[in-house]
Amino acid sequence: MNQSTLNKLNQMHLWGMEATLKGIMSNVRNDNLTADELVELLVQSEWEYRENQKIERCLNNAAFRYQAFIDNIDYSPGRKLDKNLIMRLADCSYIDRAENVIITGATGVGKSYIATALGHQACLKGKKVLYRNAQKLFTLLRISRADGSYIKEMSKIEKKDVFIIDDFGLEVLDHKTSLMLLEILEDRIGKKTTIIASQLPYEKWYDVITEKTIADAIMDRLINSSHKIALQGESMRKKK
């Protein structure tokens, strides 16, 4: 009978319950459980299993370049990093309000790490996240225009609760690429969160988005609804 029950739990994909019941049956747990305690334990195990699976899927789908965690952020005085701001962002309520984050600073100061840490934290809160390097993003979108998958790629971005664009500003955007960026932001502003990490202060993004009317539209959609983090100090890679 016990094996039959385990088989049925497996067939119904109730793997959290199955694992816990196996443990109880093999005397891993020696508790004298009442019927309601047993039900509670099985349901809790299944809930935790599914939550962990959901987080794992979110992290895999986000395609982060590396692992980064809020708890490991360095608040050394020279970085001029506001810990209170990071802690406020860590609760992810800014995502519910569809607010954006702009992270700027010189090469190696940790922009990508903070952007990824915020994305990782969002995954832990059950948010859908996507990470993209700016150059690879725009290359992918240009290719998708040629092969007919552009609408699919843009829809994928639009559905994410948090979209991270890393290393923005390393190349000048031509007219078509600038319009792609504007389209991404147009779909997201007021609805979803966008995090941008850039070596350039946002005031100098006009040097990258050379067409002024498009630059004005992009800046207008981003700046007024963004938390701004301007990192300073020497390269974290050099310190390591």
Protein backbone atom coordinates (compact mmCIF):
# COMPACT_ATOMS: atom_id res chain seq x y z
CA MET A 1 0.00 0.00 0.00
CA ASN A 2 2.82 2.41 0.86
CA GLN A 3 4.54 1.84 -2.47
CA SER A 4 1.25 2.26 -4.28
CA THR A 5 0.76 5.63 -2.59
CA LEU A 6 4.28 6.71 -3.51
CA ASN A 7 3.71 5.67 -7.12
CA LYS A 8 0.50 7.72 -7.29
CA LEU A 9 2.22 10.79 -5.83
CA ASN A 10 4.96 10.41 -8.44
CA GLN A 11 2.49 10.04 -11.29
CA MET A 12 0.67 13.19 -10.13
CA HIS A 13 4.06 15.02 -10.03
CA LEU A 14 3.71 15.61 -6.29
CA TRP A 15 7.41 15.07 -5.84
CA GLY A 16 7.77 17.14 -2.68
CA MET A 17 5.13 15.04 -0.95
CA GLU A 18 6.67 11.86 -2.31
CA ALA A 19 10.14 12.67 -0.95
CA THR A 20 8.79 13.59 2.49
CA LEU A 21 6.59 10.50 2.73
CA LYS A 22 9.57 8.34 1.78
CA GLY A 23 11.53 9.93 4.59
CA ILE A 24 8.81 9.25 7.12
CA MET A 25 8.37 5.69 5.97
CA SER A 26 12.10 4.99 6.18
CA ASN A 27 12.17 6.35 9.74
CA VAL A 28 14.29 9.35 8.80
CA ARG A 29 11.70 11.18 10.88
CA ASN A 30 10.75 9.58 14.19
CA ASP A 31 7.99 12.02 15.07
CA ASN A 32 4.66 10.63 16.20
CA LEU A 33 2.59 12.66 13.78
CA THR A 34 -1.15 13.09 14.08
CA ALA A 35 -3.22 12.97 10.91
CA ASP A 36 -3.50 16.76 10.61
CA GLU A 37 0.24 17.19 11.31
CA LEU A 38 1.06 14.65 8.61
CA VAL A 39 -1.15 16.46 6.08
CA GLU A 40 0.38 19.80 7.01
CA LEU A 41 3.91 18.41 6.64
CA LEU A 42 3.16 16.88 3.24
CA VAL A 43 1.48 20.04 1.91
CA GLN A 44 4.30 22.26 3.21
CA SER A 45 6.90 20.01 1.61
CA GLU A 46 5.13 20.16 -1.74
CA TRP A 47 4.75 23.94 -1.54
CA GLU A 48 8.44 24.42 -0.73
CA TYR A 49 9.45 22.05 -3.52
CA ARG A 50 7.41 23.96 -6.10
CA GLU A 51 8.65 27.35 -4.86
CA ASN A 52 12.26 26.18 -5.15
CA GLN A 53 11.60 24.83 -8.64
CA LYS A 54 10.04 28.13 -9.67
CA ILE A 55 13.04 30.10 -8.40
CA GLU A 56 15.44 27.75 -10.16
CA ARG A 57 13.56 28.17 -13.45
CA CYS A 58 13.58 31.94 -13.01
CA LEU A 59 17.34 31.98 -12.43
CA ASN A 60 17.99 29.75 -15.45
CA ASN A 61 15.73 31.81 -17.71
CA ALA A 62 17.34 35.07 -16.57
CA ALA A 63 20.63 33.99 -18.23
CA PHE A 64 22.84 35.90 -15.82
CA ARG A 65 26.49 36.13 -16.84
CA TYR A 66 27.61 35.22 -13.33
CA GLN A 67 26.25 34.84 -9.82
CA ALA A 68 25.81 37.91 -7.61
CA PHE A 69 24.07 38.37 -4.30
CA ILE A 70 22.75 41.38 -2.39
CA ASP A 71 24.41 40.19 0.84
CA ASN A 72 27.85 40.20 -0.81
CA ILE A 73 27.81 43.78 -2.09
CA ASP A 74 30.84 45.80 -0.95
CA TYR A 75 29.97 49.10 0.75
CA SER A 76 33.54 50.39 1.11
CA PRO A 77 33.49 54.19 1.66
CA GLY A 78 35.34 54.89 -1.58
CA ARG A 79 32.54 53.40 -3.64
CA LYS A 80 30.01 56.04 -2.50
CA LEU A 81 27.32 53.36 -2.52
CA ASP A 82 24.18 54.11 -0.51
CA LYS A 83 23.44 50.95 1.49
CA ASN A 84 20.01 52.24 2.49
CA LEU A 85 19.06 52.53 -1.18
CA ILE A 86 20.26 49.00 -1.93
CA MET A 87 18.30 47.63 1.03
CA ARG A 88 15.17 49.42 -0.16
CA LEU A 89 15.65 47.95 -3.61
CA ALA A 90 16.22 44.50 -2.10
CA ASP A 91 12.57 44.23 -1.04
CA CYS A 92 11.66 44.50 -4.76
CA SER A 93 8.71 46.83 -4.16
CA TYR A 94 10.18 49.13 -6.81
CA ILE A 95 9.39 46.38 -9.33
CA ASP A 96 5.74 46.40 -8.31
CA ARG A 97 5.78 50.17 -8.91
CA ALA A 98 7.49 49.67 -12.32
CA GLU A 99 10.41 51.90 -11.34
CA ASN A 100 13.75 51.66 -13.14
CA VAL A 101 17.37 51.57 -11.96
CA ILE A 102 20.33 53.27 -13.64
CA ILE A 103 23.80 52.19 -12.49
CA THR A 104 26.82 54.13 -13.74
CA GLY A 105 30.54 54.13 -13.05
CA ALA A 106 33.94 53.46 -14.54
CA THR A 107 35.12 50.07 -15.79
CA GLY A 108 35.38 47.44 -13.08
CA VAL A 109 33.69 49.30 -10.22
CA GLY A 110 30.96 46.68 -9.91
CA LYS A 111 28.03 47.93 -12.00
CA SER A 112 27.29 44.53 -13.50
CA TYR A 113 27.53 42.86 -10.10
CA ILE A 114 24.95 45.16 -8.53
CA ALA A 115 22.63 44.88 -11.54
CA THR A 116 22.88 41.08 -11.40
CA ALA A 117 22.43 41.02 -7.61
CA LEU A 118 19.21 43.03 -7.99
CA GLY A 119 18.08 40.62 -10.71
CA HIS A 120 18.90 37.61 -8.54
CA GLN A 121 16.94 39.12 -5.66
CA ALA A 122 13.97 39.65 -7.98
CA CYS A 123 14.09 35.96 -8.96
CA LEU A 124 13.95 35.00 -5.28
CA LYS A 125 10.79 37.10 -5.02
CA GLY A 126 9.23 35.19 -7.92
CA LYS A 127 9.76 37.88 -10.57
CA LYS A 128 10.56 37.06 -14.19
CA VAL A 129 13.98 38.46 -15.09
CA LEU A 130 16.08 38.66 -18.27
CA TYR A 131 19.72 39.76 -18.46
CA ARG A 132 21.32 40.95 -21.70
CA ASN A 133 24.63 42.54 -22.62
CA ALA A 134 23.77 45.63 -24.70
CA GLN A 135 25.93 44.77 -27.71
CA LYS A 136 24.68 41.19 -27.84
CA LEU A 137 21.10 42.38 -27.36
CA PHE A 138 21.17 44.77 -30.30
CA THR A 139 23.00 42.24 -32.49
CA LEU A 140 20.33 39.66 -31.69
CA LEU A 141 17.54 42.10 -32.50
CA ARG A 142 19.14 43.10 -35.80
CA ILE A 143 19.45 39.42 -36.76
CA SER A 144 15.85 38.77 -35.68
CA ARG A 145 14.66 41.47 -38.08
CA ALA A 146 16.27 39.54 -40.90
CA ASP A 147 14.97 36.09 -39.95
CA GLY A 148 11.44 37.17 -38.98
CA SER A 149 11.68 36.53 -35.24
CA TYR A 150 11.81 40.19 -34.19
CA ILE A 151 8.27 40.37 -32.81
CA LYS A 152 8.87 37.17 -30.82
CA GLU A 153 12.09 38.56 -29.28
CA MET A 154 10.47 41.88 -28.39
CA SER A 155 7.48 40.10 -26.87
CA LYS A 156 9.83 38.00 -24.74
CA ILE A 157 11.43 41.17 -23.36
CA GLU A 158 8.10 42.89 -22.80
CA LYS A 159 6.79 40.04 -20.63
CA LYS A 160 9.70 40.15 -18.16
CA ASP A 161 9.12 41.89 -14.84
CA VAL A 162 12.77 43.00 -14.84
CA PHE A 163 14.92 43.52 -17.94
CA ILE A 164 18.64 44.18 -17.35
CA ILE A 165 20.73 45.88 -20.06
CA ASP A 166 24.40 45.64 -19.12
CA ASP A 167 27.38 47.53 -20.59
CA PHE A 168 25.18 50.10 -22.30
CA GLY A 169 27.04 52.86 -24.12
CA LEU A 170 30.07 50.99 -25.42
CA GLU A 171 28.97 51.55 -29.01
CA VAL A 172 27.19 54.38 -30.77
CA LEU A 173 23.63 53.45 -31.73
CA ASP A 174 22.55 54.00 -35.32
CA HIS A 175 19.03 55.11 -36.21
CA LYS A 176 17.49 51.61 -36.36
CA THR A 177 19.14 50.44 -33.16
CA SER A 178 18.05 53.59 -31.33
CA LEU A 179 14.48 52.93 -32.43
CA MET A 180 14.75 49.35 -31.11
CA LEU A 181 15.80 50.66 -27.70
CA LEU A 182 12.98 53.20 -27.75
CA GLU A 183 10.50 50.45 -28.62
CA ILE A 184 11.73 48.30 -25.71
CA LEU A 185 11.30 51.18 -23.28
CA GLU A 186 7.97 52.22 -24.77
CA ASP A 187 6.60 48.75 -24.06
CA ARG A 188 7.89 48.76 -20.48
CA ILE A 189 7.66 52.26 -19.00
CA GLY A 190 4.96 52.40 -16.35
CA LYS A 191 4.44 48.63 -16.60
CA LYS A 192 7.72 46.81 -15.95
CA THR A 193 11.18 47.55 -14.53
CA THR A 194 14.32 48.12 -16.59
CA ILE A 195 17.82 48.14 -15.08
CA ILE A 196 20.62 49.71 -17.14
CA ALA A 197 24.32 49.55 -16.26
CA SER A 198 26.65 51.91 -18.14
CA GLN A 199 30.16 53.33 -17.99
CA LEU A 200 28.76 56.67 -19.10
CA PRO A 201 26.87 59.04 -16.79
CA TYR A 202 23.33 59.21 -18.13
CA GLU A 203 23.87 62.87 -18.99
CA LYS A 204 26.33 61.69 -21.67
CA TRP A 205 24.01 59.16 -23.28
CA TYR A 206 23.31 61.77 -25.92
CA ASP A 207 26.80 60.98 -27.24
CA VAL A 208 25.69 57.38 -27.81
CA ILE A 209 22.13 57.99 -29.04
CA THR A 210 23.16 60.46 -31.69
CA GLU A 211 19.69 61.26 -33.07
CA LYS A 212 18.48 63.96 -30.69
CA THR A 213 14.73 63.40 -31.02
CA ILE A 214 15.07 59.69 -30.23
CA ALA A 215 17.53 60.45 -27.41
CA ASP A 216 15.06 62.91 -25.90
CA ALA A 217 12.28 60.33 -26.02
CA ILE A 218 14.46 57.62 -24.44
CA MET A 219 15.77 59.89 -21.70
CA ASP A 220 12.32 61.21 -20.91
CA ARG A 221 10.99 57.68 -20.43
CA LEU A 222 13.91 56.54 -18.30
CA ILE A 223 15.26 59.30 -16.10
CA ASN A 224 12.16 60.50 -14.30
CA SER A 225 11.19 57.03 -13.10
CA SER A 226 14.63 55.73 -12.11
CA HIS A 227 16.69 55.11 -9.01
CA LYS A 228 20.22 56.27 -9.77
CA ILE A 229 23.39 54.61 -8.48
CA ALA A 230 26.67 56.34 -9.39
CA LEU A 231 29.58 54.12 -8.33
CA GLN A 232 33.03 55.53 -7.67
CA GLY A 233 36.40 54.19 -6.53
CA GLU A 234 38.98 51.93 -8.12
CA SER A 235 38.33 48.78 -10.10
CA MET A 236 37.07 45.88 -7.99
CA ARG A 237 38.98 43.52 -10.29
CA LYS A 238 42.19 45.41 -9.54
CA LYS A 239 41.53 45.20 -5.80
CA LYS A 240 40.99 41.45 -6.03
